[in-house]
Amino acid sequence: MAYVVTDACIDVQDRSCIEECPVDCIYTGPRMMYINPEECVDCGRCEPACPTVSIYHEEDLPSGKEQFTSINETVFLTLGIGSPGGARKIPPLAADHEEVASWIK
């Protein structure tokens, strides 16, 4: 995985990152966005587009946000989505990762 969406996106979902993503690898969940690690090409265009500063390169994740690497990876496995080859090909995700679903801001 190259880029990771973190908790600053929860209940905000500005979607500016989606407009910048050249490979359509950012998916919308009920409470936050997720980057599919199998589809991300590590271009970095999403990071500066995010007004809430919720996207980081996995090597630059701030302390205390490391769990979001796993959250972004496993949401595609736990929901049975896999790698559909672009967010526009499927409807928004039906559920968030269980940690995000129960996250209290």
Protein backbone atom coordinates (compact mmCIF):
# COMPACT_ATOMS: atom_id res chain seq x y z
CA MET A 1 0.00 0.00 0.00
CA ALA A 2 1.18 3.48 -0.70
CA TYR A 3 -1.38 5.93 0.69
CA VAL A 4 -3.70 5.55 3.67
CA VAL A 5 -6.87 7.39 4.69
CA THR A 6 -7.04 8.06 8.44
CA ASP A 7 -9.58 9.17 11.05
CA ALA A 8 -9.73 12.83 9.98
CA CYS A 9 -11.92 11.61 7.10
CA ILE A 10 -14.50 9.98 9.36
CA ASP A 11 -17.87 11.72 8.94
CA VAL A 12 -16.33 14.34 6.61
CA GLN A 13 -15.71 12.67 3.22
CA ASP A 14 -14.84 15.81 1.25
CA ARG A 15 -14.13 13.71 -1.89
CA SER A 16 -11.50 16.09 -3.32
CA CYS A 17 -9.14 13.12 -3.29
CA ILE A 18 -11.42 11.19 -5.64
CA GLU A 19 -11.26 13.96 -8.22
CA GLU A 20 -7.45 13.81 -8.20
CA CYS A 21 -7.01 10.04 -8.28
CA PRO A 22 -5.99 8.94 -11.80
CA VAL A 23 -6.76 5.25 -11.16
CA ASP A 24 -10.07 5.53 -9.26
CA CYS A 25 -8.77 3.61 -6.21
CA ILE A 26 -10.53 5.64 -3.50
CA TYR A 27 -13.81 4.10 -2.36
CA THR A 28 -16.61 5.69 -0.35
CA GLY A 29 -17.86 4.00 2.80
CA PRO A 30 -20.71 5.19 5.02
CA ARG A 31 -18.37 7.15 7.32
CA MET A 32 -15.03 7.48 5.51
CA MET A 33 -13.10 6.91 2.30
CA TYR A 34 -10.71 3.98 1.75
CA ILE A 35 -7.76 3.57 -0.61
CA ASN A 36 -7.51 0.13 -2.20
CA PRO A 37 -3.85 -0.89 -1.84
CA GLU A 38 -4.08 -3.26 -4.81
CA GLU A 39 -5.11 -0.42 -7.12
CA CYS A 40 -3.12 2.56 -5.79
CA VAL A 41 -0.19 3.50 -8.04
CA ASP A 42 1.55 5.65 -5.41
CA CYS A 43 1.20 8.89 -7.42
CA GLY A 44 0.49 11.03 -4.35
CA ARG A 45 -2.08 13.29 -6.00
CA CYS A 46 -4.69 12.52 -3.34
CA GLU A 47 -2.62 13.69 -0.38
CA PRO A 48 -2.45 17.45 -1.10
CA ALA A 49 -6.06 17.45 -2.36
CA CYS A 50 -7.40 16.38 1.04
CA PRO A 51 -8.54 19.47 3.02
CA THR A 52 -8.80 17.53 6.29
CA VAL A 53 -5.23 16.19 6.08
CA SER A 54 -6.40 12.61 6.45
CA ILE A 55 -4.28 10.99 3.72
CA TYR A 56 -0.68 10.00 4.35
CA HIS A 57 1.91 7.88 2.65
CA GLU A 58 2.12 4.74 4.80
CA GLU A 59 5.73 5.54 5.72
CA ASP A 60 4.69 9.00 6.97
CA LEU A 61 1.73 8.02 9.16
CA PRO A 62 1.71 10.02 12.39
CA SER A 63 2.13 8.13 15.63
CA GLY A 64 -1.15 6.62 16.77
CA LYS A 65 -2.57 6.26 13.26
CA GLU A 66 -0.71 3.09 12.24
CA GLN A 67 -3.87 0.96 12.50
CA PHE A 68 -5.31 2.75 9.46
CA THR A 69 -2.89 0.88 7.18
CA SER A 70 -4.61 -2.35 8.19
CA ILE A 71 -8.06 -0.75 8.10
CA ASN A 72 -7.57 0.42 4.49
CA GLU A 73 -6.23 -3.01 3.49
CA THR A 74 -8.75 -5.24 5.22
CA VAL A 75 -11.96 -3.36 4.41
CA PHE A 76 -11.73 -4.75 0.88
CA LEU A 77 -11.21 -8.28 2.18
CA THR A 78 -13.76 -8.27 5.01
CA LEU A 79 -16.53 -6.85 2.83
CA GLY A 80 -15.72 -9.30 0.04
CA ILE A 81 -15.00 -6.57 -2.49
CA GLY A 82 -11.48 -7.52 -3.47
CA SER A 83 -10.08 -5.34 -6.22
CA PRO A 84 -12.84 -4.39 -8.65
CA GLY A 85 -10.56 -2.14 -10.69
CA GLY A 86 -12.11 1.20 -9.84
CA ALA A 87 -14.56 2.74 -7.42
CA ARG A 88 -16.90 3.92 -10.18
CA LYS A 89 -17.57 0.29 -11.15
CA ILE A 90 -19.38 -0.49 -7.90
CA PRO A 91 -21.84 1.31 -5.61
CA PRO A 92 -20.53 2.92 -2.40
CA LEU A 93 -19.42 0.39 0.18
CA ALA A 94 -22.32 -0.98 2.21
CA ALA A 95 -20.37 -0.87 5.47
CA ASP A 96 -17.24 0.57 7.02
CA HIS A 97 -14.43 -1.36 8.60
CA GLU A 98 -15.66 -2.39 12.08
CA GLU A 99 -13.18 -0.03 13.81
CA VAL A 100 -14.40 2.92 11.74
CA ALA A 101 -18.06 2.00 12.23
CA SER A 102 -17.62 2.19 15.99
CA TRP A 103 -15.22 5.17 16.00
CA ILE A 104 -16.26 8.01 18.29
CA LYS A 105 -14.94 11.45 17.40
